[in-house]
Amino acid sequence: MLELYREKVKGTTIDPSTLLSTDYFNHFNEVIMLLGILPEMPEIMDEIDGWNFKTYEQHFEGSGLAFAGLAIEAYAHVPPTTREQFDQTIDMMRMTVEDARTDLRDTIASGNMEKLAILAADYAKQLQDFVEMGSTVIHGSGASLDQSAIDALF
């Protein structure tokens, strides 16, 4: 089955070795962009609060991409080790956004705009690092996500 999907995904942004697509990270790039704007426009916090996490499948269901159906199908056939590493990265990203919401909302309420700028930049960097880590998993470099690599992000 894996070989069948590796053939099917040719010509798309789905990596044929892992059957995953970096297009999923566009979902997180939205919140990363908002974090970059936040220090100059604290009112954008409402948009960060309104950002809803989507699973890989949910993202592609609403993406409008021509290969979205194939991305969802192929996801069910991602090699187990790759899937575990990918899911772990996504879980960390989701938790980072949740932590950011709480910390940033509290910082805005305190009126400390200097701290807000530092925190927003730090959370954006953490998420960007996770995007890079996830891209490494997707492109099958063979790199593994051990706890020390994750800890290094914090």
Foldseek 3Di string as FASTA:
>chain_A
DLQVLLVVCPPHQQASQFLAHLVLCVLVVVLLVLLQCCLVPVVSLVVLVVRDDDDLLRCLVPVPDPCSVSSNVSLVVGPPQLNVQLVVLSVVLVVLSVVLSVVLVVCVVVVPSVVSNVSSVLSSQLNVVSSVSNVCSRNPPVDGDDPVNNVVSD
